[in-house]
Protein backbone atom coordinates (compact mmCIF):
# COMPACT_ATOMS: atom_id res chain seq x y z
CA ILE A 1 0.08 0.26 0.22
CA VAL A 2 3.04 2.37 0.78
CA ASN A 3 4.28 1.46 -2.77
CA ASN A 4 0.84 2.33 -4.30
CA LEU A 5 1.13 5.67 -2.26
CA MET A 6 4.15 6.61 -4.25
CA ASP A 7 2.65 6.29 -7.41
CA ARG A 8 -0.03 8.84 -6.77
CA ARG A 9 -0.43 12.40 -7.93
CA ALA A 10 -0.30 14.57 -4.79
CA GLU A 11 -3.83 15.56 -4.93
CA GLN A 12 -4.57 11.71 -4.33
CA VAL A 13 -2.33 11.17 -1.65
CA GLU A 14 -4.19 12.39 0.97
CA GLN A 15 -7.14 10.05 0.12
CA VAL A 16 -4.72 7.19 0.04
CA VAL A 17 -3.35 8.19 3.35
CA LYS A 18 -6.84 8.52 5.13
CA GLY A 19 -7.29 4.66 3.50
CA LEU A 20 -4.16 3.66 5.55
CA ALA A 21 -5.56 5.22 8.76
CA LEU A 22 -8.81 3.37 8.21
CA LEU A 23 -6.62 0.19 7.30
CA LYS A 24 -4.57 0.30 10.51
CA ASP A 25 -7.68 0.81 12.56
CA GLY A 26 -9.93 -1.84 11.05
CA ALA A 27 -7.11 -4.47 10.41
CA GLY A 28 -5.41 -4.34 14.10
CA LEU A 29 -2.03 -3.92 12.71
CA SER A 30 0.25 -4.08 15.94
CA GLU A 31 2.89 -1.07 16.44
CA ASP A 32 5.80 -3.86 15.96
CA THR A 33 4.38 -5.11 12.69
CA THR A 34 3.83 -1.44 11.38
CA VAL A 35 7.31 -0.18 12.52
CA ALA A 36 8.79 -3.40 10.99
CA ALA A 37 7.20 -3.11 7.52
CA LEU A 38 8.05 0.56 7.36
CA ASN A 39 11.57 0.09 8.38
CA GLU A 40 11.92 -2.60 5.40
CA TYR A 41 10.52 -0.13 2.94
CA VAL A 42 12.91 2.72 3.87
CA GLU A 43 15.52 0.50 2.26
CA LEU A 44 14.06 1.33 -1.28
CA LEU A 45 12.63 4.97 -0.08
CA GLU A 46 16.16 6.69 -1.64
CA ASP A 47 15.78 5.17 -5.08
CA ILE A 48 11.94 5.64 -5.05
CA ALA A 49 12.57 9.27 -4.49
CA LEU A 50 14.72 9.84 -7.40
CA ASP A 51 11.50 8.99 -9.56
CA THR A 52 9.04 10.39 -7.22
CA PRO A 53 9.95 14.18 -5.83
CA GLY A 54 7.23 13.77 -3.02
CA ALA A 55 8.46 10.19 -1.86
CA PHE A 56 10.05 11.39 1.53
CA LYS A 57 7.00 13.62 2.28
CA PHE A 58 4.46 11.06 1.29
CA PHE A 59 6.21 8.59 3.55
CA GLY A 60 6.14 10.78 6.60
CA MET A 61 2.42 11.23 5.93
CA ALA A 62 2.00 7.48 5.94
CA MET A 63 3.92 7.20 9.22
CA ALA A 64 1.74 9.72 10.66
CA ALA A 65 -1.32 7.91 9.46
CA LEU A 66 -0.38 4.48 10.58
CA GLN A 67 0.36 6.05 14.04
CA VAL A 68 4.11 5.52 14.53
CA PRO A 69 4.68 6.73 17.99
CA LEU A 70 7.43 9.69 18.16
CA SER A 71 9.34 7.10 20.30
CA ARG A 72 9.81 4.77 17.33
CA VAL A 73 10.35 7.31 14.66
CA SER A 74 13.94 6.41 14.33
CA GLU A 75 13.26 2.80 14.41
CA ALA A 76 10.81 3.11 11.73
CA LEU A 77 13.49 5.33 9.41
CA GLY A 78 16.11 2.99 10.21
CA GLU A 79 19.42 3.62 8.04
CA LEU A 80 17.56 7.40 6.95
CA ALA A 81 17.79 8.20 10.45
CA ALA A 82 21.11 7.22 11.14
CA ASP A 83 22.77 8.92 8.17
CA VAL A 84 23.07 12.34 9.19
CA SER A 85 26.27 13.13 7.57
CA SER A 86 25.00 14.94 4.54
CA VAL A 87 24.06 18.64 4.58
CA GLU A 88 20.32 17.71 4.43
CA PRO A 89 19.91 14.19 5.48
CA SER A 90 17.22 12.23 3.88
CA GLY A 91 15.48 11.54 7.17
CA VAL A 92 14.77 15.13 7.54
CA PRO A 93 11.86 15.76 4.87
CA VAL A 94 10.12 12.44 6.06
CA VAL A 95 10.10 13.58 9.63
CA LYS A 96 8.74 17.23 8.70
CA ALA A 97 6.15 15.71 6.78
CA TYR A 98 5.25 13.47 9.62
CA LEU A 99 5.04 16.20 12.08
CA GLN A 100 3.17 18.39 10.03
CA HIS A 101 0.41 15.53 9.56
CA LEU A 102 0.40 14.63 13.16
CA ALA A 103 -0.54 18.23 13.80
CA ALA A 104 -3.05 18.34 11.00
CA MET A 105 -4.52 15.30 12.64
CA HIS A 106 -4.70 15.89 16.40
CA GLY A 107 -3.93 19.67 16.65
CA GLU A 108 -0.71 21.59 17.13
CA GLU A 109 -0.96 21.55 21.08
CA GLN A 110 -1.75 18.05 21.49
CA THR A 111 1.25 17.14 19.12
CA ARG A 112 3.25 19.62 20.98
CA LYS A 113 2.14 17.75 24.31
CA ASP A 114 3.17 14.52 22.73
CA ILE A 115 6.57 15.56 21.47
CA GLU A 116 7.35 17.05 25.01
CA ALA A 117 6.25 13.53 26.69
CA ALA A 118 8.38 11.38 24.36
CA GLN A 119 11.17 13.47 24.78
CA PHE A 120 11.48 13.67 20.88
CA ASP A 121 14.76 14.94 20.34
CA ILE A 122 14.30 16.73 16.50
CA THR A 123 17.93 17.29 16.33
CA GLN A 124 18.80 13.35 16.08
CA PHE A 125 17.67 13.95 12.28
CA PHE A 126 20.02 16.88 11.54
CA ASN A 127 23.54 17.25 10.21
CA LYS A 128 25.98 16.88 13.17
CA ASP A 129 27.40 20.13 12.15
CA ARG A 130 23.97 21.89 12.34
CA ARG A 131 22.48 20.99 15.51
CA SER A 132 23.18 24.48 17.32
CA ASP A 133 20.30 26.33 18.52
CA ALA A 134 20.05 28.75 15.95
CA GLU A 135 20.13 26.46 13.06
CA VAL A 136 17.55 24.24 14.53
CA ARG A 137 15.53 26.92 15.04
CA ARG A 138 15.82 28.36 11.28
CA ALA A 139 15.17 24.99 10.04
CA LEU A 140 11.96 24.31 12.07
CA ASN A 141 10.90 27.72 11.22
CA LEU A 142 11.44 27.07 7.63
CA ALA A 143 9.37 23.92 7.87
CA ASP A 144 6.64 25.48 9.81
CA LEU A 145 7.49 23.46 12.86
CA LEU A 146 8.63 25.87 15.31
CA PRO A 147 5.50 26.02 17.37
CA LEU A 148 5.81 22.46 18.02
CA PHE A 149 9.49 22.90 19.59
CA PRO A 150 8.99 25.85 22.09
CA LYS A 151 12.54 24.99 23.20
CA TYR A 152 13.67 26.53 19.83
CA ALA A 153 11.28 29.47 19.76
């Protein structure tokens, strides 16, 4: 289904994402199964992104729809989360879309509370040379995520 998502036009993606959320609820997919399946798919994601410009965004939206908990985002992203050597690591657009979709689904205030409760460290996805408060603030502001991380506001 996630692969099907990658073959959709941007305007169709939202409908497929809603379907994923319904499937997750209706099929009773466990958190472990969901995270493991997404982790396996990540291995193909960078190659898919070459042909599908929105692949990272779509994957982040799917993670939110499938209710991947903040505490397991790194696990679901696997090697994408681990590779922070490039200037713009591939995990960043995925996490951006994931957080934006969470905020759209649950509201900004609830998402901020969830981030704080999970002690979610957004900097783990940043290049190691770009983790200063100023760099993080700038990146969060550009991604419209600054309200979710008041520590950097």
